[in-house]
Amino acid sequence: MGDLRARIQWLVGLRVLVVTLLLGLSLTFQVTNGERVETFYALIIFTYAITIPYALMLRTLTGAEALVRLSWIQIGIDCLVETILIARTGGVESPFAVLYVVSITLASLVPRRRVGILAASLCIVLFGVMVNVQLYGFAEVWGWLPRTRLSAPETLQTFGIYGLAFLVVGVLSGALVDQLQQADYSLREKERGLSRLQAFHENIVYSISSGVFTTDEAGRITSFNPAAQEATGYSLDQVRGHRWEEVFNWHPDRPADVLGEEDSHRRFEVESKRADGNRLILGMTLSPLHEQGRATGLVGVFKDLTQIRDLEEEMQRKEWLASLGEMSAGMAHEIRNPLGALAGAMQMLRKDLQGDETSQRLMDIAVREATRLDAIITEFLQYARPPALNLAEYDLNKVLAETLDLVQHEARARKNISIVTALSEDSLARQVDQDQIKQVFWNLATNAFDAMPKGGQLTIATGCRVIDAGSRKGDVVEISFQDTGEGIPKANLDKIFLPFFTTKKQGSGLGLAAVHRIVDLHGGWIKVESWEGEGSRFVVCLPHSAELGVRLRHEGREPWKRS
């Protein structure tokens, strides 16, 4: 109906335009020649006046049938006005007879079949009546329509030519409008189909779980689907116009790693960073983007493999630690027994070396080192075969506060060490072994002190985050220890929790290994972030229960990334 209303508006507008041009020009010519025809004035005024009710009716009418009736009224009035104009300007000899053609053509715009033929028939009838009146002089007595100067055969011939022209215009314009309407309908259907297909393709790209991006020929990103935005943490506005290598931190070592024109696609893994700075490992496939047979850019599809790789590394580390623990525990027992006998023998010998100072001093060193070696073995045995957890519900804020008394005392013994705390105001109740969790806090704090030999600040904070573990939800407590020390080299990040690995001049290398083992027994995990020359941040994550933490690790999730 909106299309019909628009066509009727075209009828109104074209009518005013045609009347203004034709009648206006003719009136100007006649006035210039000193003639005045009141009929011209009346027709112009009538045309403009009737346009007002047309516009009002067009605004108020709503139904399609009512609009069609309005268009027929307009066409009928147009034909009558044209007949009057033709009659006042010479009848069959009038140059304005061509206006019938305009009305017939405009009538074909109304969306009804054979409207053009019906309008032509109406014009032929009106023109024929006028020709007969003029031919036989029926209106000559009033001086309104003078007799024609043409003979009867010439008059009939002129009428026939005009009638045939009106009929041909009606048929052709109606056929042309029908074809245009069919073409318009077909085009609209194709546009709707194309729009649906385009929307369908967009929905596929936006709904798949894999990240998808496209680039132009220069490698600048042009699209970034929601999965890509969720995986990387970047929005489309942040990456649009940037090269994909910069966004994904892709710097191939070999020229062969770069996608060439001869390659249909290339698969590889790339390690980059999310917008929040966390590590991001992606399995990516790059393919040329073709348009009309010409490569216009690249399309990249990637999957977040961070959780899978972290889980693989965790499982490998656990398998290695389990094997190492079993083997080392047996060796430690075998070493500890003769070591005890050796230490006892040296104690007896020291009593017999009362007068020899050098021997006494060497014996003291041997006894002291034997005692230290026994302490290391004891510590390692506790790591390899830790005692059963004595679980009870404690507020971790209070457990940490009790440990902070010892930590503060240790900090005062160091040089230029300050401690800042930001503890959660809410209760952080968890089922933990209080003594072993205190050992975790103590080891992490002293490890931070050792990383700041020239002084610095240790920030200890606690909080709680909600995570989504499949179909169930839970909350995880986070206790972070962030120092401003030297940082950990990237090459050592994967080794810091291994037993006996240490970069300190003095130390057994079991402190962080024990921390990892205790937290793991509680069903938790540790997140480590380090920046060389700026410091490190260790975050202990403890779920509501050990069972939740074990289930999360089995599902391959990292809850701290889903806060």
Protein backbone atom coordinates (compact mmCIF):
# COMPACT_ATOMS: atom_id res chain seq x y z
CA MET A 1 0.00 0.00 0.00
CA GLY A 2 2.93 2.30 0.61
CA ASP A 3 4.01 1.77 -3.00
CA LEU A 4 0.50 2.67 -4.26
CA ARG A 5 0.43 5.79 -2.14
CA ALA A 6 3.78 6.82 -3.56
CA ARG A 7 2.50 6.37 -7.12
CA ILE A 8 -0.56 8.52 -6.47
CA GLN A 9 1.71 11.17 -5.04
CA TRP A 10 3.62 10.99 -8.32
CA LEU A 11 0.31 11.54 -10.18
CA VAL A 12 -0.41 14.65 -8.16
CA GLY A 13 3.07 16.06 -8.56
CA LEU A 14 3.35 15.35 -12.29
CA ARG A 15 -0.09 16.85 -12.91
CA VAL A 16 0.90 20.14 -11.28
CA LEU A 17 4.20 20.15 -13.18
CA VAL A 18 2.61 19.47 -16.60
CA VAL A 19 -0.14 22.03 -16.12
CA THR A 20 2.35 24.63 -14.96
CA LEU A 21 4.60 24.09 -17.99
CA LEU A 22 2.08 23.66 -20.81
CA LEU A 23 -0.67 26.02 -19.75
CA GLY A 24 1.79 28.51 -18.39
CA LEU A 25 3.79 28.66 -21.62
CA SER A 26 0.65 28.90 -23.75
CA LEU A 27 -0.79 31.59 -21.54
CA THR A 28 2.44 33.57 -21.73
CA PHE A 29 2.40 33.31 -25.53
CA GLN A 30 -1.20 34.47 -25.77
CA VAL A 31 -0.72 37.39 -23.39
CA THR A 32 2.33 38.43 -25.40
CA ASN A 33 0.12 38.50 -28.52
CA GLY A 34 -2.48 40.57 -26.74
CA GLU A 35 -4.98 37.76 -26.30
CA ARG A 36 -6.63 36.77 -23.03
CA VAL A 37 -8.39 33.47 -22.59
CA GLU A 38 -10.25 33.25 -19.31
CA THR A 39 -10.52 29.48 -19.67
CA PHE A 40 -6.74 29.16 -19.25
CA TYR A 41 -6.87 31.06 -15.99
CA ALA A 42 -9.78 28.97 -14.77
CA LEU A 43 -8.10 25.66 -15.61
CA ILE A 44 -4.84 26.65 -13.93
CA ILE A 45 -6.67 27.80 -10.81
CA PHE A 46 -8.85 24.68 -10.83
CA THR A 47 -5.83 22.38 -11.18
CA TYR A 48 -4.02 23.96 -8.25
CA ALA A 49 -7.20 24.09 -6.18
CA ILE A 50 -8.11 20.43 -6.72
CA THR A 51 -4.58 19.41 -5.69
CA ILE A 52 -5.34 20.49 -2.10
CA PRO A 53 -8.22 18.02 -1.50
CA TYR A 54 -6.19 15.35 -3.32
CA ALA A 55 -3.36 15.80 -0.84
CA LEU A 56 -5.74 15.80 2.15
CA MET A 57 -7.55 12.68 0.98
CA LEU A 58 -4.25 10.96 0.25
CA ARG A 59 -3.11 11.66 3.81
CA THR A 60 -6.32 10.38 5.45
CA LEU A 61 -7.18 7.33 3.32
CA THR A 62 -5.76 4.04 4.53
CA GLY A 63 -7.19 1.13 2.53
CA ALA A 64 -5.77 0.04 -0.82
CA GLU A 65 -9.21 0.09 -2.48
CA ALA A 66 -9.82 3.64 -1.29
CA LEU A 67 -6.50 4.73 -2.77
CA VAL A 68 -7.35 3.05 -6.09
CA ARG A 69 -10.72 4.87 -6.21
CA LEU A 70 -8.93 8.15 -5.50
CA SER A 71 -6.56 7.51 -8.40
CA TRP A 72 -9.51 6.79 -10.74
CA ILE A 73 -11.21 10.03 -9.67
CA GLN A 74 -8.03 11.93 -10.45
CA ILE A 75 -7.68 10.30 -13.88
CA GLY A 76 -11.34 11.01 -14.76
CA ILE A 77 -11.08 14.65 -13.71
CA ASP A 78 -7.83 15.01 -15.64
CA CYS A 79 -9.50 13.70 -18.80
CA LEU A 80 -12.43 16.12 -18.39
CA VAL A 81 -10.11 19.06 -17.83
CA GLU A 82 -8.08 18.11 -20.88
CA THR A 83 -11.27 17.79 -22.95
CA ILE A 84 -12.36 21.30 -21.93
CA LEU A 85 -8.91 22.67 -22.73
CA ILE A 86 -8.89 20.96 -26.15
CA ALA A 87 -12.40 22.21 -26.89
CA ARG A 88 -11.42 25.83 -26.09
CA THR A 89 -8.25 25.65 -28.22
CA GLY A 90 -9.59 24.36 -31.54
CA GLY A 91 -11.08 20.98 -30.80
CA VAL A 92 -9.84 18.36 -33.20
CA GLU A 93 -7.22 20.83 -34.41
CA SER A 94 -5.97 21.66 -30.85
CA PRO A 95 -2.31 21.02 -30.12
CA PHE A 96 -3.25 20.04 -26.56
CA ALA A 97 -4.74 16.70 -27.65
CA VAL A 98 -1.38 15.22 -26.77
CA LEU A 99 -2.26 15.71 -23.10
CA TYR A 100 -4.48 12.63 -23.39
CA VAL A 101 -1.33 10.62 -23.96
CA VAL A 102 0.15 11.99 -20.74
CA SER A 103 -2.97 11.01 -18.77
CA ILE A 104 -3.05 7.52 -20.28
CA THR A 105 0.63 6.97 -19.44
CA LEU A 106 0.19 8.20 -15.86
CA ALA A 107 -2.92 6.05 -15.44
CA SER A 108 -0.80 2.96 -16.16
CA LEU A 109 1.10 3.63 -12.93
CA VAL A 110 -1.93 2.46 -10.92
CA PRO A 111 -1.31 -1.21 -9.98
CA ARG A 112 -4.29 -2.73 -11.81
CA ARG A 113 -4.21 -4.68 -15.05
CA ARG A 114 -5.58 -2.98 -18.22
CA VAL A 115 -5.81 0.39 -16.49
CA GLY A 116 -3.94 1.95 -19.41
CA ILE A 117 -6.45 0.49 -21.94
CA LEU A 118 -9.43 1.70 -19.87
CA ALA A 119 -7.96 5.18 -19.61
CA ALA A 120 -7.33 5.19 -23.38
CA SER A 121 -10.93 4.12 -24.00
CA LEU A 122 -12.20 6.96 -21.80
CA CYS A 123 -10.07 9.47 -23.70
CA ILE A 124 -11.27 8.12 -27.05
CA VAL A 125 -14.90 8.44 -25.95
CA LEU A 126 -14.49 12.00 -24.67
CA PHE A 127 -12.48 13.04 -27.72
CA GLY A 128 -15.05 11.40 -30.05
CA VAL A 129 -17.98 13.17 -28.41
CA MET A 130 -16.16 16.49 -28.70
CA VAL A 131 -15.28 15.83 -32.38
CA ASN A 132 -18.91 15.01 -33.25
CA VAL A 133 -20.19 18.08 -31.46
CA GLN A 134 -17.69 20.20 -33.35
CA LEU A 135 -18.25 18.44 -36.67
CA TYR A 136 -21.98 18.91 -36.68
CA GLY A 137 -21.91 22.33 -34.99
CA PHE A 138 -24.08 21.38 -31.98
CA ALA A 139 -22.33 24.00 -29.76
CA GLU A 140 -21.70 26.60 -32.43
CA VAL A 141 -24.79 28.60 -31.47
CA TRP A 142 -23.20 29.39 -28.11
CA GLY A 143 -19.86 30.31 -29.66
CA TRP A 144 -18.14 27.90 -27.36
CA LEU A 145 -16.92 25.21 -29.80
CA PRO A 146 -16.79 26.60 -33.37
CA ARG A 147 -17.16 24.30 -36.35
CA THR A 148 -13.88 22.83 -37.57
CA ARG A 149 -12.25 24.01 -40.78
CA LEU A 150 -11.51 20.40 -41.72
CA SER A 151 -13.78 18.41 -43.93
CA ALA A 152 -15.71 15.49 -42.55
CA PRO A 153 -13.30 12.87 -43.94
CA GLU A 154 -10.30 14.85 -42.62
CA THR A 155 -11.96 15.18 -39.21
CA LEU A 156 -12.72 11.47 -39.06
CA GLN A 157 -9.17 10.69 -40.19
CA THR A 158 -7.68 12.91 -37.47
CA PHE A 159 -9.94 11.31 -34.89
CA GLY A 160 -8.93 7.87 -36.05
CA ILE A 161 -5.23 8.68 -35.84
CA TYR A 162 -5.63 10.13 -32.33
CA GLY A 163 -7.80 7.22 -31.23
CA LEU A 164 -5.32 4.67 -32.54
CA ALA A 165 -2.46 6.54 -30.85
CA PHE A 166 -4.36 6.61 -27.54
CA LEU A 167 -5.10 2.90 -27.78
CA VAL A 168 -1.50 1.98 -28.67
CA VAL A 169 -0.15 4.13 -25.84
CA GLY A 170 -2.58 2.50 -23.42
CA VAL A 171 -1.62 -1.03 -24.46
CA LEU A 172 2.12 -0.38 -24.57
CA SER A 173 2.25 1.60 -21.33
CA GLY A 174 0.18 -1.06 -19.55
CA ALA A 175 2.43 -3.84 -20.84
CA LEU A 176 5.55 -1.87 -19.97
CA VAL A 177 4.31 -1.15 -16.46
CA ASP A 178 3.44 -4.84 -15.98
CA GLN A 179 6.94 -5.85 -17.02
CA LEU A 180 8.46 -3.20 -14.77
CA GLN A 181 6.34 -4.41 -11.86
CA GLN A 182 7.38 -8.02 -12.48
CA ALA A 183 11.02 -6.99 -12.75
CA ASP A 184 10.69 -4.92 -9.58
CA TYR A 185 9.05 -7.82 -7.75
CA SER A 186 11.73 -10.22 -8.96
CA LEU A 187 14.48 -7.81 -7.96
CA ARG A 188 12.99 -7.34 -4.52
CA GLU A 189 12.70 -11.09 -4.07
CA LYS A 190 16.33 -11.50 -5.04
CA GLU A 191 17.32 -8.69 -2.68
CA ARG A 192 15.37 -10.31 0.14
CA GLY A 193 16.97 -13.66 -0.67
CA LEU A 194 20.41 -12.06 -0.78
CA SER A 195 19.73 -10.27 2.51
CA ARG A 196 18.59 -13.52 4.12
CA LEU A 197 21.64 -15.34 2.76
CA GLN A 198 23.94 -12.58 3.95
CA ALA A 199 22.28 -12.57 7.39
CA PHE A 200 22.55 -16.37 7.49
CA HIS A 201 26.26 -16.25 6.72
CA GLU A 202 26.80 -13.49 9.27
CA ASN A 203 24.90 -15.50 11.88
CA ILE A 204 27.14 -18.50 11.18
CA VAL A 205 30.30 -16.43 11.55
CA TYR A 206 29.00 -14.71 14.67
CA SER A 207 27.67 -17.91 16.26
CA ILE A 208 30.58 -20.33 15.84
CA SER A 209 32.82 -20.84 18.83
CA SER A 210 36.02 -20.35 16.84
CA GLY A 211 37.50 -16.89 16.39
CA VAL A 212 37.28 -15.55 12.84
CA PHE A 213 38.88 -12.44 11.38
CA THR A 214 39.45 -11.06 7.88
CA THR A 215 42.05 -8.67 6.52
CA ASP A 216 42.56 -6.55 3.44
CA GLU A 217 45.41 -7.00 0.99
CA ALA A 218 47.80 -5.14 3.32
CA GLY A 219 47.01 -7.49 6.21
CA ARG A 220 44.93 -4.94 8.16
CA ILE A 221 42.02 -6.43 10.09
CA THR A 222 38.57 -5.62 8.68
CA SER A 223 36.30 -7.93 10.73
CA PHE A 224 36.50 -9.64 14.12
CA ASN A 225 33.69 -11.97 15.22
CA PRO A 226 32.41 -12.14 18.86
CA ALA A 227 34.32 -15.38 19.57
CA ALA A 228 37.55 -13.66 18.52
CA GLN A 229 36.73 -10.68 20.73
CA GLU A 230 36.02 -12.96 23.72
CA ALA A 231 39.20 -14.99 23.23
CA THR A 232 41.54 -12.00 22.85
CA GLY A 233 39.74 -9.43 25.00
CA TYR A 234 39.95 -6.89 22.16
CA SER A 235 36.91 -5.27 20.54
CA LEU A 236 36.53 -4.76 16.80
CA ASP A 237 37.17 -1.03 17.15
CA GLN A 238 40.47 -1.73 18.94
CA VAL A 239 41.87 -4.01 16.22
CA ARG A 240 40.29 -2.61 13.05
CA GLY A 241 42.97 -1.20 10.77
CA HIS A 242 45.84 -2.91 12.64
CA ARG A 243 47.93 -5.64 11.06
CA TRP A 244 46.98 -9.10 12.24
CA GLU A 245 50.64 -9.91 13.04
CA GLU A 246 50.70 -7.07 15.59
CA VAL A 247 47.40 -8.09 17.20
CA PHE A 248 48.44 -11.73 17.59
CA ASN A 249 52.16 -11.06 18.18
CA TRP A 250 53.12 -13.22 15.21
CA HIS A 251 56.80 -12.80 14.32
CA PRO A 252 57.92 -15.83 12.31
CA ASP A 253 61.58 -16.79 12.53
CA ARG A 254 61.64 -18.28 9.04
CA PRO A 255 60.43 -16.67 5.80
CA ALA A 256 58.67 -19.95 5.02
CA ASP A 257 56.32 -19.34 7.95
CA VAL A 258 54.74 -16.40 6.12
CA LEU A 259 51.68 -17.21 4.03
CA GLY A 260 52.54 -17.04 0.34
CA GLU A 261 50.37 -16.72 -2.73
CA GLU A 262 51.00 -20.37 -3.60
CA ASP A 263 49.66 -21.56 -0.22
CA SER A 264 45.97 -22.41 0.09
CA HIS A 265 46.17 -22.32 3.87
CA ARG A 266 48.67 -22.57 6.71
CA ARG A 267 48.18 -23.97 10.21
CA PHE A 268 50.35 -22.98 13.14
CA GLU A 269 50.32 -22.13 16.83
CA VAL A 270 51.03 -18.63 18.04
CA GLU A 271 51.62 -17.46 21.60
CA SER A 272 50.35 -13.93 22.21
CA LYS A 273 48.67 -11.99 25.01
CA ARG A 274 45.12 -11.07 25.83
CA ALA A 275 44.13 -7.46 26.32
CA ASP A 276 44.56 -7.95 30.10
CA GLY A 277 48.13 -9.23 29.64
CA ASN A 278 47.43 -12.93 30.26
CA ARG A 279 49.11 -15.55 28.07
CA LEU A 280 47.11 -16.68 25.05
CA ILE A 281 48.00 -19.70 22.91
CA LEU A 282 46.06 -19.97 19.65
CA GLY A 283 45.82 -22.68 17.04
CA MET A 284 45.37 -20.65 13.85
CA THR A 285 44.59 -21.39 10.21
CA LEU A 286 45.18 -18.71 7.58
CA SER A 287 43.71 -18.86 4.07
CA PRO A 288 43.58 -16.38 1.19
CA LEU A 289 40.32 -14.44 0.92
CA HIS A 290 39.11 -14.48 -2.70
CA GLU A 291 36.59 -12.19 -4.34
CA GLN A 292 35.64 -12.76 -7.99
CA GLY A 293 38.69 -14.95 -8.45
CA ARG A 294 41.12 -12.39 -7.04
CA ALA A 295 42.86 -12.54 -3.65
CA THR A 296 41.69 -9.54 -1.65
CA GLY A 297 43.11 -10.41 1.76
CA LEU A 298 43.23 -13.17 4.35
CA VAL A 299 40.70 -15.01 6.48
CA GLY A 300 41.92 -16.41 9.79
CA VAL A 301 40.22 -19.01 11.98
CA PHE A 302 41.65 -19.74 15.41
CA LYS A 303 40.88 -21.65 18.58
CA ASP A 304 42.00 -20.81 22.11
CA LEU A 305 44.39 -23.60 23.15
CA THR A 306 45.62 -21.93 26.34
CA GLN A 307 43.64 -24.13 28.69
CA ILE A 308 44.61 -27.29 26.81
CA ARG A 309 48.31 -26.43 26.79
CA ASP A 310 48.27 -25.40 30.45
CA LEU A 311 46.54 -28.65 31.34
CA GLU A 312 49.08 -30.64 29.33
CA GLU A 313 51.95 -28.85 31.05
CA GLU A 314 50.32 -29.41 34.45
CA MET A 315 49.80 -33.10 33.78
CA GLN A 316 53.37 -33.54 32.51
CA ARG A 317 54.70 -31.71 35.55
CA LYS A 318 52.62 -33.85 37.89
CA GLU A 319 53.69 -37.07 36.21
CA TRP A 320 57.31 -36.00 36.37
CA LEU A 321 57.02 -34.92 40.00
CA ALA A 322 55.25 -38.14 40.96
CA SER A 323 57.98 -40.25 39.37
CA LEU A 324 60.70 -38.08 40.85
CA GLY A 325 59.06 -38.16 44.26
CA GLU A 326 58.79 -41.96 44.37
CA MET A 327 62.36 -42.44 43.23
CA SER A 328 63.82 -39.70 45.40
CA ALA A 329 61.93 -40.77 48.50
CA GLY A 330 63.49 -44.20 48.31
CA MET A 331 66.94 -42.72 47.75
CA ALA A 332 66.46 -40.26 50.61
CA HIS A 333 65.66 -43.10 53.01
CA GLU A 334 68.73 -44.99 51.86
CA ILE A 335 70.90 -41.89 52.29
CA ARG A 336 69.39 -40.90 55.63
CA ASN A 337 70.23 -44.14 57.42
CA PRO A 338 74.02 -44.09 56.79
CA LEU A 339 74.00 -40.33 57.25
CA GLY A 340 72.64 -40.76 60.78
CA ALA A 341 75.29 -43.32 61.58
CA LEU A 342 77.98 -41.06 60.11
CA ALA A 343 76.77 -38.06 62.16
CA GLY A 344 76.79 -40.16 65.36
CA ALA A 345 80.29 -41.41 64.65
CA MET A 346 81.56 -37.85 64.11
CA GLN A 347 80.00 -36.80 67.40
CA MET A 348 81.96 -39.52 69.18
CA LEU A 349 85.18 -38.62 67.37
CA ARG A 350 84.80 -34.95 68.26
CA LYS A 351 84.99 -35.85 71.95
CA ASP A 352 88.35 -37.52 71.39
CA LEU A 353 89.84 -34.48 69.56
CA GLN A 354 89.90 -32.10 72.51
CA GLY A 355 93.45 -30.78 72.01
CA ASP A 356 93.68 -30.46 68.22
CA GLU A 357 91.97 -27.16 67.25
CA THR A 358 92.22 -27.73 63.50
CA SER A 359 90.72 -31.20 63.73
CA GLN A 360 88.08 -29.90 66.11
CA ARG A 361 87.11 -27.13 63.67
CA LEU A 362 86.94 -29.52 60.73
CA MET A 363 84.88 -31.96 62.76
CA ASP A 364 82.44 -29.17 63.71
CA ILE A 365 82.04 -28.32 60.00
CA ALA A 366 81.40 -31.98 59.16
CA VAL A 367 78.80 -32.33 61.94
CA ARG A 368 77.07 -29.08 60.94
CA GLU A 369 76.89 -30.02 57.24
CA ALA A 370 75.66 -33.50 58.12
CA THR A 371 72.90 -31.91 60.22
CA ARG A 372 72.02 -29.55 57.35
CA LEU A 373 71.94 -32.42 54.88
CA ASP A 374 69.63 -34.33 57.22
CA ALA A 375 67.34 -31.29 57.40
CA ILE A 376 67.23 -31.09 53.58
CA ILE A 377 66.38 -34.76 53.31
CA THR A 378 63.68 -34.39 55.96
CA GLU A 379 62.23 -31.42 54.08
CA PHE A 380 62.28 -33.33 50.81
CA LEU A 381 60.60 -36.35 52.39
CA GLN A 382 57.86 -34.08 53.66
CA TYR A 383 57.46 -32.80 50.10
CA ALA A 384 57.53 -36.21 48.43
CA ARG A 385 55.27 -37.87 51.02
CA PRO A 386 53.36 -35.11 52.76
CA PRO A 387 51.26 -35.92 55.82
CA ALA A 388 47.51 -36.27 55.46
CA LEU A 389 45.57 -32.99 55.47
CA ASN A 390 43.95 -32.03 58.74
CA LEU A 391 41.05 -30.14 57.20
CA ALA A 392 38.86 -27.73 59.11
CA GLU A 393 36.99 -24.57 58.21
CA TYR A 394 39.04 -21.41 58.74
CA ASP A 395 38.76 -17.80 57.68
CA LEU A 396 41.78 -17.37 55.40
CA ASN A 397 41.98 -13.69 56.30
CA LYS A 398 42.61 -14.66 59.94
CA VAL A 399 45.08 -17.42 58.96
CA LEU A 400 46.97 -14.89 56.86
CA ALA A 401 46.88 -12.29 59.65
CA GLU A 402 48.47 -14.78 62.08
CA THR A 403 51.20 -15.52 59.53
CA LEU A 404 51.77 -11.80 58.92
CA ASP A 405 53.11 -11.39 62.46
CA LEU A 406 56.04 -13.65 61.59
CA VAL A 407 56.33 -12.13 58.11
CA GLN A 408 56.52 -8.59 59.56
CA HIS A 409 59.25 -9.70 61.96
CA GLU A 410 61.23 -11.23 59.08
CA ALA A 411 60.77 -8.05 57.01
CA ARG A 412 62.26 -5.93 59.80
CA ALA A 413 65.34 -8.13 59.69
CA ARG A 414 65.76 -7.37 55.99
CA LYS A 415 66.90 -4.15 54.36
CA ASN A 416 64.31 -1.56 53.17
CA ILE A 417 61.43 -4.03 52.97
CA SER A 418 57.86 -2.74 53.39
CA ILE A 419 54.63 -4.72 53.44
CA VAL A 420 51.25 -3.43 52.21
CA THR A 421 48.07 -5.44 52.78
CA ALA A 422 44.69 -5.23 51.05
CA LEU A 423 42.56 -7.87 52.72
CA SER A 424 38.97 -8.54 51.75
CA GLU A 425 36.34 -7.26 54.17
CA ASP A 426 34.26 -10.40 53.65
CA SER A 427 34.90 -13.67 55.43
CA LEU A 428 36.89 -16.10 53.28
CA ALA A 429 35.98 -19.39 54.95
CA ARG A 430 37.50 -22.54 53.43
CA GLN A 431 38.23 -26.13 54.36
CA VAL A 432 42.04 -26.07 54.74
CA ASP A 433 44.89 -27.46 56.78
CA GLN A 434 45.80 -24.35 58.79
CA ASP A 435 49.43 -25.26 59.46
CA GLN A 436 50.22 -26.18 55.86
CA ILE A 437 48.46 -23.06 54.47
CA LYS A 438 50.54 -20.95 56.88
CA GLN A 439 53.60 -22.65 55.43
CA VAL A 440 52.44 -21.61 51.94
CA PHE A 441 52.03 -17.97 53.01
CA TRP A 442 55.40 -17.96 54.78
CA ASN A 443 57.27 -19.49 51.83
CA LEU A 444 55.74 -17.05 49.33
CA ALA A 445 56.54 -14.05 51.54
CA THR A 446 60.17 -15.05 52.18
CA ASN A 447 60.57 -15.88 48.48
CA ALA A 448 59.42 -12.33 47.69
CA PHE A 449 61.92 -10.93 50.22
CA ASP A 450 64.73 -12.90 48.57
CA ALA A 451 63.71 -11.41 45.20
CA MET A 452 64.24 -7.88 46.62
CA PRO A 453 67.85 -7.91 47.94
CA LYS A 454 68.05 -4.10 47.68
CA GLY A 455 64.66 -3.56 49.25
CA GLY A 456 61.18 -3.04 47.87
CA GLN A 457 57.50 -3.48 48.59
CA LEU A 458 55.49 -6.66 49.09
CA THR A 459 51.74 -6.26 48.49
CA ILE A 460 49.52 -8.99 49.94
CA ALA A 461 45.86 -8.98 48.88
CA THR A 462 42.90 -11.31 49.28
CA GLY A 463 39.60 -11.53 47.42
CA CYS A 464 36.95 -13.83 46.06
CA ARG A 465 35.85 -14.43 42.45
CA VAL A 466 32.87 -16.30 41.01
CA ILE A 467 33.66 -18.95 38.41
CA ASP A 468 31.52 -21.09 36.12
CA ALA A 469 32.52 -24.76 36.16
CA GLY A 470 30.35 -26.29 33.47
CA SER A 471 26.75 -26.49 34.69
CA ARG A 472 27.71 -25.58 38.26
CA LYS A 473 29.03 -22.39 39.75
CA GLY A 474 31.34 -21.69 42.66
CA ASP A 475 33.56 -19.07 44.20
CA VAL A 476 37.35 -19.14 44.43
CA VAL A 477 39.48 -17.34 47.01
CA GLU A 478 42.58 -15.59 45.70
CA ILE A 479 45.57 -14.65 47.88
CA SER A 480 48.18 -12.70 45.94
CA PHE A 481 51.79 -11.87 46.81
CA GLN A 482 53.22 -9.18 44.54
CA ASP A 483 56.79 -7.91 44.93
CA THR A 484 58.83 -5.19 43.20
CA GLY A 485 61.93 -7.33 42.87
CA GLU A 486 64.07 -8.53 40.02
CA GLY A 487 61.45 -10.68 38.35
CA ILE A 488 61.80 -14.18 36.95
CA PRO A 489 63.39 -14.78 33.53
CA LYS A 490 60.93 -16.23 31.06
CA ALA A 491 63.12 -19.30 30.59
CA ASN A 492 62.77 -20.15 34.31
CA LEU A 493 59.00 -19.73 34.66
CA ASP A 494 58.33 -23.38 33.86
CA LYS A 495 60.95 -24.58 36.37
CA ILE A 496 60.27 -22.57 39.52
CA PHE A 497 58.04 -25.25 41.07
CA LEU A 498 60.43 -28.10 40.37
CA PRO A 499 62.23 -29.60 43.41
CA PHE A 500 65.81 -28.42 43.97
CA PHE A 501 65.56 -25.74 41.28
CA THR A 502 66.86 -22.46 42.68
CA THR A 503 68.74 -19.40 41.50
CA LYS A 504 69.74 -18.38 45.02
CA LYS A 505 73.25 -18.81 46.37
CA GLN A 506 71.79 -20.45 49.46
CA GLY A 507 68.60 -22.49 49.42
CA SER A 508 67.37 -26.01 48.88
CA GLY A 509 65.01 -25.23 46.01
CA LEU A 510 62.12 -26.88 47.85
CA GLY A 511 60.25 -23.78 49.05
CA LEU A 512 58.10 -23.14 45.94
CA ALA A 513 57.90 -26.87 45.24
CA ALA A 514 56.35 -27.37 48.69
CA VAL A 515 53.97 -24.45 48.07
CA HIS A 516 52.81 -26.02 44.80
CA ARG A 517 52.34 -29.43 46.43
CA ILE A 518 50.32 -28.09 49.38
CA VAL A 519 48.07 -25.96 47.20
CA ASP A 520 47.55 -28.89 44.84
CA LEU A 521 46.53 -31.13 47.76
CA HIS A 522 43.89 -28.54 48.64
CA GLY A 523 42.47 -28.76 45.11
CA GLY A 524 43.81 -25.31 44.21
CA TRP A 525 46.29 -23.87 41.76
CA ILE A 526 48.86 -21.10 41.52
CA LYS A 527 48.99 -18.39 38.90
CA VAL A 528 52.36 -16.72 38.29
CA GLU A 529 52.99 -13.44 36.47
CA SER A 530 56.46 -11.96 36.26
CA TRP A 531 58.13 -9.02 34.54
CA GLU A 532 61.92 -8.93 34.48
CA GLY A 533 63.22 -5.90 36.34
CA GLU A 534 59.72 -5.03 37.64
CA GLY A 535 58.70 -7.86 39.95
CA SER A 536 56.51 -10.94 40.21
CA ARG A 537 53.00 -11.81 41.34
CA PHE A 538 52.05 -15.18 42.82
CA VAL A 539 48.33 -15.85 43.22
CA VAL A 540 47.09 -18.80 45.30
CA CYS A 541 43.60 -19.89 44.17
CA LEU A 542 41.57 -22.06 46.52
CA PRO A 543 38.07 -23.29 45.55
CA HIS A 544 35.30 -23.84 48.05
CA SER A 545 36.36 -27.44 48.37
CA ALA A 546 39.16 -29.62 47.13
CA GLU A 547 36.67 -31.63 45.03
CA LEU A 548 35.68 -28.50 43.04
CA GLY A 549 39.31 -27.70 42.28
CA VAL A 550 40.02 -31.23 41.10
CA ARG A 551 36.92 -31.16 38.87
CA LEU A 552 37.93 -27.83 37.39
CA ARG A 553 41.37 -29.11 36.50
CA HIS A 554 39.87 -32.25 34.97
CA GLU A 555 37.66 -30.05 32.79
CA GLY A 556 40.74 -28.11 31.67
CA ARG A 557 39.46 -24.79 33.04
CA GLU A 558 41.39 -21.86 34.50
CA PRO A 559 38.82 -20.15 36.71
CA TRP A 560 40.91 -17.07 37.34
CA LYS A 561 40.36 -16.12 33.71
CA ARG A 562 36.59 -16.22 34.02
CA SER A 563 35.98 -13.65 36.72
